[in-house]
């Protein structure tokens, strides 16, 4: 596109080289970890292909997807108001500026890469600025129309700012700015941020008091290790994919695999509302396998409401 716009291939190639230079460390790290620098797309080795297949199996959504996935990672707070604003103007909005058209140009590529992926919105985030500009054009046209349309447009924009006013994003200000809470003035800002943002933060704090220095904790039905303060790894079939549960025959085999990985403890968040039972993620078989393994090969060392810490023996 740069070549077509400027008719100067040198500038476009220089831009491409600079972009890849910035990406090089990440590509190298991904290549080392998976055998594919742009995993899971190339699958240039059997190991990379096998890992990609397991990853994609656990990250597909069904058709039609539930409406809830439209709000996952927050796209609905931008997309829904933008669509509503466009409908208010009946499609008669001011023409897009070159910058917006430039931003929209990558949308087809992002859509193809994230097709049928349950975290598609996360990969589509680079086009959110284009969506904001499009919504702004529609907002301006609606306000000019006045009356009911103006009131409806203001209401739609109010929906878009919900995440800004929500509790979780504002919690980050405690850690970044060192601000102190009016309700808890004596609380350490970063600790307060973790407690308000991650519902397992208090359990992590209690776990740190009893875990040995060399503990290696497997997080099961939980992936948020923010501020955990101990060494952990993910026990789900997607992140890291260290355990191929489909090839684990029984609880004893799972215990052997955990020992081989060096896992000393398992944290099971059975009451999680984020990582509960799901046929494509934490399947009933997988959950049952881990529960039987913990009953036979571990002892409970810490329990909270819907969350437990086990020590393997």
Protein backbone atom coordinates (compact mmCIF):
# COMPACT_ATOMS: atom_id res chain seq x y z
CA UNK A 1 0.00 0.00 0.00
CA UNK A 2 2.86 2.36 0.76
CA UNK A 3 4.39 1.61 -2.63
CA UNK A 4 1.08 2.26 -4.38
CA UNK A 5 0.62 5.50 -2.44
CA UNK A 6 4.10 6.98 -2.71
CA UNK A 7 5.46 5.22 -5.80
CA UNK A 8 8.68 4.90 -3.81
CA UNK A 9 9.50 1.29 -2.92
CA UNK A 10 12.58 2.31 -0.95
CA UNK A 11 10.53 4.03 1.77
CA UNK A 12 8.11 1.11 1.99
CA UNK A 13 10.90 -1.44 2.27
CA UNK A 14 12.63 0.66 4.91
CA UNK A 15 9.41 0.84 6.92
CA UNK A 16 8.97 -2.96 6.60
CA UNK A 17 12.56 -3.61 7.70
CA UNK A 18 12.19 -1.33 10.72
CA UNK A 19 8.93 -3.03 11.72
CA UNK A 20 10.50 -6.49 11.52
CA UNK A 21 13.50 -5.29 13.50
CA UNK A 22 11.18 -4.33 16.34
CA UNK A 23 9.36 -7.69 16.07
CA UNK A 24 12.52 -9.80 15.75
CA UNK A 25 13.06 -10.57 19.47
CA UNK A 26 9.41 -11.69 19.87
CA UNK A 27 9.57 -13.81 16.68
CA UNK A 28 12.82 -15.41 17.85
CA UNK A 29 11.39 -16.23 21.28
CA UNK A 30 8.25 -17.73 19.72
CA UNK A 31 10.35 -19.78 17.30
CA UNK A 32 12.46 -21.13 20.15
CA UNK A 33 9.44 -22.03 22.27
CA UNK A 34 7.21 -23.54 19.59
CA UNK A 35 9.32 -24.26 16.51
CA UNK A 36 7.41 -21.65 14.49
CA UNK A 37 8.21 -17.90 14.54
CA UNK A 38 4.58 -16.96 13.80
CA UNK A 39 2.94 -19.87 15.62
CA UNK A 40 0.30 -21.22 15.16
CA UNK A 41 0.19 -20.28 11.47
CA UNK A 42 3.14 -21.93 9.66
CA UNK A 43 3.40 -25.25 11.55
CA UNK A 44 6.86 -25.81 10.07
CA UNK A 45 7.70 -28.65 12.44
CA UNK A 46 5.69 -31.65 13.72
CA UNK A 47 5.94 -30.29 17.27
CA UNK A 48 4.64 -26.88 16.23
CA UNK A 49 1.80 -28.45 14.24
CA UNK A 50 0.75 -30.69 17.14
CA UNK A 51 0.81 -27.79 19.61
CA UNK A 52 -1.15 -25.59 17.19
CA UNK A 53 -3.80 -28.26 16.68
CA UNK A 54 -4.36 -28.58 20.44
CA UNK A 55 -4.40 -24.81 20.84
CA UNK A 56 -6.94 -24.26 18.08
CA UNK A 57 -9.19 -27.07 19.31
CA UNK A 58 -9.53 -25.29 22.63
CA UNK A 59 -10.00 -21.84 21.12
CA UNK A 60 -12.81 -22.30 18.63
CA UNK A 61 -16.25 -20.91 19.20
CA UNK A 62 -19.44 -22.49 17.99
CA UNK A 63 -21.79 -21.02 15.41
CA UNK A 64 -23.82 -19.09 16.04
CA UNK A 65 -21.74 -17.69 18.91
CA UNK A 66 -23.53 -16.52 22.03
CA UNK A 67 -24.11 -12.79 22.32
CA UNK A 68 -21.73 -12.76 25.28
CA UNK A 69 -18.67 -13.25 23.07
CA UNK A 70 -19.47 -9.93 21.43
CA UNK A 71 -18.72 -8.25 24.74
CA UNK A 72 -15.63 -10.33 25.52
CA UNK A 73 -12.58 -8.06 25.85
CA UNK A 74 -14.88 -5.06 25.42
CA UNK A 75 -15.56 -4.73 21.65
CA UNK A 76 -19.28 -4.33 22.16
CA UNK A 77 -18.69 -1.06 24.00
CA UNK A 78 -17.31 0.34 20.73
CA UNK A 79 -18.98 -1.71 18.01
CA UNK A 80 -22.56 -1.54 19.29
CA UNK A 81 -22.60 2.27 19.69
CA UNK A 82 -20.89 2.68 16.30
CA UNK A 83 -23.51 0.50 14.59
CA UNK A 84 -26.30 2.33 16.39
CA UNK A 85 -24.91 5.73 15.43
CA UNK A 86 -24.59 4.65 11.80
CA UNK A 87 -28.24 3.51 11.81
CA UNK A 88 -29.30 6.86 13.28
CA UNK A 89 -27.77 8.65 10.31
CA UNK A 90 -29.20 6.07 7.88
CA UNK A 91 -25.75 5.66 6.46
CA UNK A 92 -25.45 9.33 5.48
CA UNK A 93 -22.32 10.24 7.41
CA UNK A 94 -19.45 12.57 6.40
CA UNK A 95 -16.84 10.97 4.18
CA UNK A 96 -13.97 9.23 5.98
CA UNK A 97 -10.64 11.02 6.08
CA UNK A 98 -7.51 9.35 4.59
CA UNK A 99 -6.23 8.34 8.04
CA UNK A 100 -9.40 6.43 8.85
CA UNK A 101 -9.40 4.71 5.45
CA UNK A 102 -5.78 3.74 6.07
CA UNK A 103 -6.66 2.23 9.44
CA UNK A 104 -9.58 0.27 7.99
CA UNK A 105 -7.37 -1.21 5.23
CA UNK A 106 -5.98 -3.87 7.57
CA UNK A 107 -9.40 -5.02 8.79
CA UNK A 108 -9.80 -7.90 6.26
CA UNK A 109 -6.42 -9.36 7.22
CA UNK A 110 -7.20 -9.19 10.95
CA UNK A 111 -10.62 -10.76 10.35
CA UNK A 112 -9.12 -13.70 8.43
CA UNK A 113 -6.44 -14.33 11.07
CA UNK A 114 -8.95 -14.34 13.91
CA UNK A 115 -11.67 -16.32 12.13
CA UNK A 116 -13.59 -18.59 14.52
CA UNK A 117 -11.22 -17.81 17.38
CA UNK A 118 -12.78 -17.16 20.75
CA UNK A 119 -10.34 -14.31 21.39
CA UNK A 120 -10.91 -12.72 17.98
CA UNK A 121 -11.64 -9.31 19.45
CA UNK A 122 -8.24 -9.19 21.11
CA UNK A 123 -6.58 -9.70 17.74
CA UNK A 124 -8.89 -7.15 16.10
CA UNK A 125 -7.94 -4.38 18.54
CA UNK A 126 -5.61 -2.62 16.06
CA UNK A 127 -8.71 -1.50 14.13
CA UNK A 128 -10.49 -0.03 17.17
CA UNK A 129 -9.08 3.47 16.40
CA UNK A 130 -10.76 3.26 12.98
CA UNK A 131 -14.00 2.27 14.68
CA UNK A 132 -13.75 5.26 17.02
CA UNK A 133 -13.24 7.62 14.08
CA UNK A 134 -16.20 6.10 12.23
CA UNK A 135 -18.39 6.44 15.32
CA UNK A 136 -17.27 10.05 15.70
CA UNK A 137 -18.38 10.86 12.16
CA UNK A 138 -21.77 9.29 12.79
CA UNK A 139 -22.04 11.08 16.14
CA UNK A 140 -21.41 14.44 14.47
CA UNK A 141 -24.05 13.76 11.82
CA UNK A 142 -26.60 12.71 14.45
CA UNK A 143 -26.00 15.79 16.57
CA UNK A 144 -26.46 18.05 13.55
CA UNK A 145 -29.81 16.38 12.91
CA UNK A 146 -30.87 17.38 16.43
CA UNK A 147 -33.98 16.29 18.33
CA UNK A 148 -34.48 12.64 19.17
CA UNK A 149 -31.50 11.57 17.09
CA UNK A 150 -29.17 13.79 19.06
CA UNK A 151 -30.48 12.40 22.37
CA UNK A 152 -30.16 8.81 21.10
CA UNK A 153 -26.60 9.48 19.90
CA UNK A 154 -25.59 10.84 23.29
CA UNK A 155 -27.04 7.72 24.92
CA UNK A 156 -25.09 5.45 22.59
CA UNK A 157 -21.84 7.27 23.28
CA UNK A 158 -22.53 6.89 27.00
CA UNK A 159 -22.47 3.11 26.46
CA UNK A 160 -19.03 3.41 24.87
CA UNK A 161 -17.55 5.03 27.98
CA UNK A 162 -18.81 2.35 30.38
CA UNK A 163 -15.39 0.59 30.59
CA UNK A 164 -13.74 3.92 31.43
CA UNK A 165 -16.08 4.41 34.37
CA UNK A 166 -15.97 0.74 35.42
CA UNK A 167 -14.15 -0.29 38.57
CA UNK A 168 -11.43 -2.47 37.05
CA UNK A 169 -9.73 0.08 34.73
CA UNK A 170 -9.75 2.70 37.46
CA UNK A 171 -8.10 0.28 39.85
CA UNK A 172 -4.95 0.55 37.75
CA UNK A 173 -4.55 4.17 38.81
CA UNK A 174 -3.68 2.99 42.32
CA UNK A 175 -0.60 1.18 41.03
CA UNK A 176 0.43 3.60 38.28
CA UNK A 177 -0.03 6.89 40.09
CA UNK A 178 0.53 5.67 43.62
CA UNK A 179 -2.89 7.08 44.50
CA UNK A 180 -4.40 6.13 47.84
CA UNK A 181 -7.97 4.99 48.27
CA UNK A 182 -10.26 7.25 50.26
CA UNK A 183 -11.92 4.19 51.79
CA UNK A 184 -8.63 2.39 52.52
CA UNK A 185 -6.01 5.16 52.90
CA UNK A 186 -3.51 2.91 54.66
CA UNK A 187 -3.53 0.23 51.95
CA UNK A 188 -0.46 -0.09 49.71
CA UNK A 189 -1.58 1.12 46.23
CA UNK A 190 -0.34 -1.85 44.19
CA UNK A 191 -1.71 -4.35 46.68
CA UNK A 192 -5.06 -2.57 46.62
CA UNK A 193 -5.07 -2.72 42.82
CA UNK A 194 -4.50 -6.48 42.87
CA UNK A 195 -7.17 -7.11 45.50
CA UNK A 196 -9.78 -5.09 43.60
CA UNK A 197 -8.85 -6.45 40.17
CA UNK A 198 -8.12 -10.15 40.84
CA UNK A 199 -10.51 -12.05 43.05
CA UNK A 200 -7.84 -14.63 43.97
CA UNK A 201 -5.28 -12.09 45.22
CA UNK A 202 -6.07 -12.72 48.89
CA UNK A 203 -5.73 -16.48 48.38
CA UNK A 204 -2.36 -15.94 46.67
CA UNK A 205 -1.20 -13.96 49.67
CA UNK A 206 -2.18 -16.78 52.02
CA UNK A 207 -0.53 -19.34 49.74
CA UNK A 208 2.76 -17.43 49.80
CA UNK A 209 2.88 -17.86 53.56
CA UNK A 210 2.91 -21.67 53.37
CA UNK A 211 4.55 -22.48 50.03
CA UNK A 212 8.22 -23.59 50.22
CA UNK A 213 10.78 -21.43 48.36
CA UNK A 214 11.14 -23.89 45.47
CA UNK A 215 7.43 -24.55 44.98
CA UNK A 216 6.19 -24.94 41.41
CA UNK A 217 2.42 -24.40 41.29
CA UNK A 218 0.13 -25.59 38.51
CA UNK A 219 -2.85 -23.25 38.05
CA UNK A 220 -5.93 -25.31 37.19
CA UNK A 221 -9.19 -23.56 36.27
CA UNK A 222 -7.23 -20.34 36.72
CA UNK A 223 -4.66 -18.48 34.58
CA UNK A 224 -4.32 -15.13 36.36
CA UNK A 225 -0.97 -15.19 38.08
CA UNK A 226 -0.83 -11.41 38.58
CA UNK A 227 1.06 -10.71 41.76
CA UNK A 228 1.09 -14.39 42.74
CA UNK A 229 4.57 -14.10 44.22
CA UNK A 230 5.41 -17.76 43.58
CA UNK A 231 6.52 -19.78 40.57
CA UNK A 232 3.55 -21.03 38.60
CA UNK A 233 2.60 -22.57 35.29
CA UNK A 234 -0.71 -22.94 33.49
CA UNK A 235 -2.52 -26.25 33.63
CA UNK A 236 -5.12 -25.60 30.94
CA UNK A 237 -4.95 -27.18 27.45
CA UNK A 238 -4.29 -23.86 25.70
CA UNK A 239 -1.63 -21.74 27.41
CA UNK A 240 1.74 -23.51 27.36
CA UNK A 241 -0.12 -26.79 26.64
CA UNK A 242 2.36 -28.64 28.84
CA UNK A 243 -0.14 -31.43 29.48
CA UNK A 244 -1.91 -33.16 26.61
CA UNK A 245 -4.92 -34.36 28.59
CA UNK A 246 -6.28 -36.30 25.62
CA UNK A 247 -3.29 -38.65 25.87
CA UNK A 248 -3.49 -39.05 29.65
CA UNK A 249 -5.24 -42.34 30.33
CA UNK A 250 -5.92 -42.05 34.04
CA UNK A 251 -5.22 -40.16 37.26
CA UNK A 252 -1.98 -42.07 37.91
CA UNK A 253 -0.61 -41.10 34.50
CA UNK A 254 -1.50 -37.47 35.18
CA UNK A 255 0.41 -37.62 38.47
CA UNK A 256 3.44 -39.00 36.64
CA UNK A 257 3.24 -36.18 34.10
CA UNK A 258 2.99 -33.53 36.83
CA UNK A 259 6.05 -34.97 38.58
CA UNK A 260 7.97 -35.01 35.28
CA UNK A 261 7.21 -31.31 34.81
CA UNK A 262 8.49 -30.54 38.30
CA UNK A 263 5.09 -29.49 39.64
CA UNK A 264 4.96 -29.58 43.44
CA UNK A 265 1.53 -28.02 44.05
CA UNK A 266 -1.78 -27.66 42.22
CA UNK A 267 -4.07 -24.68 42.71
CA UNK A 268 -7.62 -25.61 41.67
CA UNK A 269 -10.11 -22.74 41.34
CA UNK A 270 -13.23 -24.89 41.15
CA UNK A 271 -15.51 -21.92 41.83
CA UNK A 272 -14.15 -19.81 38.98
CA UNK A 273 -16.73 -17.93 36.92
CA UNK A 274 -14.13 -17.27 34.20
CA UNK A 275 -12.60 -20.69 33.68
CA UNK A 276 -15.36 -23.10 34.51
CA UNK A 277 -16.40 -26.28 32.76
CA UNK A 278 -16.44 -25.96 28.97
CA UNK A 279 -16.36 -28.82 26.43
CA UNK A 280 -13.76 -26.93 24.37
CA UNK A 281 -11.63 -25.81 27.33
CA UNK A 282 -11.87 -27.43 30.75
CA UNK A 283 -13.87 -30.44 29.61
CA UNK A 284 -15.72 -32.66 32.10
CA UNK A 285 -13.19 -35.45 31.43
CA UNK A 286 -10.25 -33.14 32.14
CA UNK A 287 -11.79 -31.87 35.37
CA UNK A 288 -12.61 -35.38 36.52
CA UNK A 289 -9.09 -36.54 35.71
CA UNK A 290 -7.52 -33.80 37.81
CA UNK A 291 -9.94 -34.29 40.70
CA UNK A 292 -9.16 -38.02 40.87
CA UNK A 293 -5.44 -37.28 40.64
CA UNK A 294 -5.58 -34.85 43.54
CA UNK A 295 -7.59 -37.26 45.69
CA UNK A 296 -5.05 -40.04 45.16
CA UNK A 297 -1.75 -38.19 44.88
CA UNK A 298 -2.03 -34.94 46.84
CA UNK A 299 -3.06 -33.48 50.15
CA UNK A 300 -5.03 -30.30 50.75
CA UNK A 301 -2.88 -27.60 52.35
CA UNK A 302 -5.04 -24.49 51.92
CA UNK A 303 -8.71 -23.94 51.13
CA UNK A 304 -10.80 -20.87 50.40
CA UNK A 305 -14.24 -20.25 48.97
CA UNK A 306 -14.22 -22.20 45.72
CA UNK A 307 -10.42 -22.43 45.56
CA UNK A 308 -7.94 -24.94 46.95
CA UNK A 309 -4.19 -25.55 47.08
CA UNK A 310 -2.86 -29.13 47.04
CA UNK A 311 0.65 -30.48 47.64
CA UNK A 312 1.62 -33.48 45.53
CA UNK A 313 3.25 -36.45 47.22
